[in-house]
Amino acid sequence: GNIFNDIIDLDKIDREQLDIATDSINVSDFINDVVNFAGLIAEQKELEFSVERNGTLDVYALLDPTRLRQVVWNLINNAVKFTQHGEVKLTCSREERNDGPWLELKISDTGQGIPEDQLSRIFDMYYKAPDLSGKNAIGSGIGLAVTKALVSAMKGTISVTSTEGEGSCFTVHIPLSLCVAPTEQSYAGRGLYILLVEDVPLNAEIAT
């Protein structure tokens, strides 16, 4: 799903139609959702995953949760992909600047790192990082380029530091437009019968 989102957004970037739809979301709850996902994919490679929170994050802000989630998922997926042993860490911090509060998200790993001469190209479209042998390219080459475009569309910034053989750290800064919690809406409706037609048993079980 994340790969399809990248491909769709790639087309929107080409047509300069990348849209950001903000909503009132709880920043702390959003981080918890990301942590649950990250822990699962790190566990699949027997990597440790840790999270650090700094500052007041239990606030509501106008953010695009789908786009921001896509950004963080891309970065965490990459961290896991290029880390063979050790740890992936997510650090979430709230910064107070002259122009208001900002959200800082750092995704660091103990992976293979990025050669210094390639750091300037890491966000280029279709750039593919070599594997440990230095021969085969890994990935589609669009994930980080789309990630940078999404961050820019959210009026944020993204940067990377890396030491070859020791790991990498991607840092995202997003402005926080604080707001009130959304009003709870209730709907009293009648019971419904739902017919689900699905030929994959697992999909049917998930839907149920």
Protein backbone atom coordinates (compact mmCIF):
# COMPACT_ATOMS: atom_id res chain seq x y z
CA GLY A 1 0.00 0.00 0.00
CA ASN A 2 2.79 2.39 0.87
CA ILE A 3 4.52 1.68 -2.46
CA PHE A 4 1.29 2.37 -4.38
CA ASN A 5 0.90 5.65 -2.49
CA ASP A 6 4.42 6.64 -3.55
CA ILE A 7 3.66 5.85 -7.20
CA ILE A 8 0.40 7.83 -7.12
CA ASP A 9 2.12 10.76 -5.42
CA LEU A 10 4.94 10.61 -7.96
CA ASP A 11 2.39 11.31 -10.68
CA LYS A 12 0.88 14.15 -8.64
CA ILE A 13 4.32 15.67 -8.11
CA ASP A 14 4.93 15.61 -11.86
CA ARG A 15 1.64 17.45 -12.40
CA GLU A 16 2.21 19.74 -9.38
CA GLN A 17 -1.07 18.55 -7.85
CA LEU A 18 0.21 17.17 -4.54
CA ASP A 19 -2.55 17.96 -2.06
CA ILE A 20 -2.37 18.25 1.73
CA ALA A 21 -5.62 17.71 3.66
CA THR A 22 -5.20 18.73 7.29
CA ASP A 23 -7.35 17.57 10.16
CA SER A 24 -7.32 17.99 13.93
CA ILE A 25 -5.30 15.05 15.24
CA ASN A 26 -3.73 14.21 18.57
CA VAL A 27 0.05 14.19 18.05
CA SER A 28 0.69 11.70 20.84
CA ASP A 29 -1.91 9.26 19.48
CA PHE A 30 -0.40 9.58 16.01
CA ILE A 31 3.03 8.69 17.37
CA ASN A 32 1.60 5.67 19.19
CA ASP A 33 0.13 4.38 15.92
CA VAL A 34 3.51 4.74 14.22
CA VAL A 35 5.27 2.99 17.11
CA ASN A 36 2.96 -0.03 16.86
CA PHE A 37 3.72 -0.36 13.14
CA ALA A 38 7.46 0.19 13.51
CA GLY A 39 7.74 -2.37 16.29
CA LEU A 40 6.19 -5.03 14.08
CA ILE A 41 8.44 -4.54 11.06
CA ALA A 42 11.56 -4.27 13.24
CA GLU A 43 10.61 -7.50 15.00
CA GLN A 44 10.46 -9.31 11.65
CA LYS A 45 14.23 -8.71 11.24
CA GLU A 46 14.95 -9.30 14.94
CA LEU A 47 15.94 -5.66 15.37
CA GLU A 48 15.35 -3.63 18.50
CA PHE A 49 13.00 -0.69 18.17
CA SER A 50 12.88 2.14 20.67
CA VAL A 51 11.04 5.43 20.91
CA GLU A 52 11.91 8.59 22.79
CA ARG A 53 9.47 11.45 23.44
CA ASN A 54 10.52 14.96 24.39
CA GLY A 55 8.31 17.95 25.19
CA THR A 56 4.53 18.25 25.34
CA LEU A 57 3.13 16.04 22.60
CA ASP A 58 -0.34 15.35 23.99
CA VAL A 59 -1.83 18.20 21.95
CA TYR A 60 -4.09 18.57 18.92
CA ALA A 61 -2.67 20.06 15.74
CA LEU A 62 -3.78 20.57 12.15
CA LEU A 63 -1.84 17.91 10.27
CA ASP A 64 -2.37 15.56 7.35
CA PRO A 65 -2.13 12.21 9.16
CA THR A 66 -2.07 10.19 5.94
CA ARG A 67 0.81 12.15 4.43
CA LEU A 68 2.78 12.39 7.66
CA ARG A 69 2.30 8.67 8.29
CA GLN A 70 3.53 7.98 4.76
CA VAL A 71 6.67 10.02 5.44
CA VAL A 72 7.46 8.25 8.71
CA TRP A 73 6.67 4.81 7.30
CA ASN A 74 8.99 5.37 4.35
CA LEU A 75 11.84 6.39 6.64
CA ILE A 76 11.29 3.56 9.13
CA ASN A 77 10.97 0.99 6.33
CA ASN A 78 14.27 2.21 4.90
CA ALA A 79 15.93 2.09 8.31
CA VAL A 80 14.84 -1.52 8.78
CA LYS A 81 15.75 -2.44 5.21
CA PHE A 82 19.34 -1.22 5.51
CA THR A 83 19.95 -2.47 9.06
CA GLN A 84 21.07 -6.06 9.47
CA HIS A 85 21.55 -6.00 13.25
CA GLY A 86 21.19 -3.54 16.08
CA GLU A 87 18.52 -0.92 16.55
CA VAL A 88 16.10 1.45 14.87
CA LYS A 89 15.06 4.42 16.98
CA LEU A 90 12.33 7.02 16.63
CA THR A 91 12.80 10.27 18.56
CA CYS A 92 9.81 12.62 18.70
CA SER A 93 10.32 16.12 20.07
CA ARG A 94 8.37 19.33 20.28
CA GLU A 95 10.40 22.47 19.61
CA GLU A 96 9.35 25.99 20.50
CA ARG A 97 10.55 28.49 17.90
CA ASN A 98 9.91 32.16 17.32
CA ASP A 99 7.28 31.27 14.71
CA GLY A 100 5.55 28.73 16.96
CA PRO A 101 5.84 25.05 17.90
CA TRP A 102 7.42 22.48 15.57
CA LEU A 103 7.42 18.68 15.58
CA GLU A 104 10.80 17.01 15.13
CA LEU A 105 10.92 13.35 14.10
CA LYS A 106 14.28 11.57 14.02
CA ILE A 107 14.64 8.07 12.60
CA SER A 108 18.06 6.63 13.31
CA ASP A 109 19.52 3.19 12.72
CA THR A 110 22.69 1.15 13.16
CA GLY A 111 22.72 0.01 9.55
CA GLN A 112 25.21 0.11 6.71
CA GLY A 113 25.13 3.89 6.42
CA ILE A 114 25.45 6.05 3.31
CA PRO A 115 28.78 6.86 1.64
CA GLU A 116 29.63 10.55 2.07
CA ASP A 117 29.89 11.11 -1.69
CA GLN A 118 26.28 9.92 -2.11
CA LEU A 119 24.60 11.95 0.64
CA SER A 120 23.89 14.86 -1.70
CA ARG A 121 21.99 12.52 -4.06
CA ILE A 122 19.97 10.57 -1.50
CA PHE A 123 16.74 12.53 -2.13
CA ASP A 124 17.09 12.54 -5.94
CA MET A 125 14.34 10.86 -7.94
CA TYR A 126 15.23 7.29 -8.96
CA TYR A 127 18.41 7.24 -6.86
CA LYS A 128 19.03 3.72 -5.59
CA ALA A 129 21.39 2.90 -2.76
CA PRO A 130 23.81 0.01 -3.32
CA ASP A 131 23.69 -3.06 -1.12
CA LEU A 132 26.51 -4.09 1.20
CA SER A 133 28.52 -5.53 -1.69
CA GLY A 134 28.25 -2.22 -3.54
CA LYS A 135 26.89 -3.92 -6.65
CA ASN A 136 23.13 -4.30 -6.61
CA ALA A 137 20.82 -1.33 -6.20
CA ILE A 138 18.08 -1.62 -3.58
CA GLY A 139 14.58 -0.19 -3.72
CA SER A 140 12.46 1.62 -6.29
CA GLY A 141 14.38 4.88 -6.16
CA ILE A 142 11.27 7.00 -5.54
CA GLY A 143 10.57 6.63 -1.81
CA LEU A 144 12.89 9.31 -0.47
CA ALA A 145 12.16 11.71 -3.33
CA VAL A 146 8.42 11.43 -2.65
CA THR A 147 9.09 11.73 1.08
CA LYS A 148 10.95 15.00 0.56
CA ALA A 149 8.16 16.34 -1.66
CA LEU A 150 5.54 15.45 0.97
CA VAL A 151 7.54 17.14 3.73
CA SER A 152 7.97 20.26 1.60
CA ALA A 153 4.22 20.30 0.86
CA MET A 154 3.63 20.28 4.63
CA LYS A 155 5.98 23.32 4.86
CA GLY A 156 8.58 21.23 6.63
CA THR A 157 12.19 20.20 6.10
CA ILE A 158 14.06 16.90 5.94
CA SER A 159 17.77 16.22 6.29
CA VAL A 160 20.12 13.27 6.72
CA THR A 161 23.40 12.52 8.43
CA SER A 162 25.23 9.25 8.06
CA THR A 163 28.47 7.45 8.75
CA GLU A 164 29.27 4.55 6.46
CA GLY A 165 29.29 1.30 8.40
CA GLU A 166 27.71 2.85 11.50
CA GLY A 167 24.22 4.01 10.51
CA SER A 168 22.06 6.90 9.36
CA CYS A 169 19.72 9.47 10.87
CA PHE A 170 16.91 11.19 8.99
CA THR A 171 15.41 14.28 10.64
CA VAL A 172 12.01 15.74 9.75
CA HIS A 173 10.72 19.09 11.02
CA ILE A 174 7.02 19.91 10.61
CA PRO A 175 5.32 23.11 11.86
CA LEU A 176 2.58 22.48 14.42
CA SER A 177 -0.57 24.54 14.05
CA LEU A 178 -2.18 23.85 17.42
CA CYS A 179 -5.97 23.59 17.58
CA VAL A 180 -8.79 22.28 19.75
CA ALA A 181 -9.86 18.66 19.86
CA PRO A 182 -12.47 17.70 17.26
CA THR A 183 -16.06 17.54 18.45
CA GLU A 184 -17.29 14.01 19.06
CA GLN A 185 -20.10 13.13 16.67
CA SER A 186 -22.58 10.39 17.37
CA TYR A 187 -25.00 8.65 15.03
CA ALA A 188 -27.94 6.60 16.16
CA GLY A 189 -28.74 4.29 13.27
CA ARG A 190 -30.59 1.06 12.80
CA GLY A 191 -28.80 -2.27 12.66
CA LEU A 192 -27.62 -3.40 9.24
CA TYR A 193 -26.97 -6.70 7.58
CA ILE A 194 -23.71 -6.65 5.58
CA LEU A 195 -22.92 -9.03 2.72
CA LEU A 196 -19.18 -9.47 2.23
CA VAL A 197 -18.00 -11.15 -0.97
CA GLU A 198 -14.31 -12.01 -0.76
CA ASP A 199 -12.36 -14.89 -2.31
CA VAL A 200 -9.34 -14.65 0.01
CA PRO A 201 -10.11 -16.17 3.45
CA LEU A 202 -7.54 -13.99 5.24
CA ASN A 203 -9.06 -10.81 3.75
CA ALA A 204 -12.52 -11.96 4.82
CA GLU A 205 -11.28 -12.61 8.35
CA ILE A 206 -9.66 -9.15 8.56
CA ALA A 207 -12.78 -7.44 7.22
CA THR A 208 -14.97 -9.31 9.69
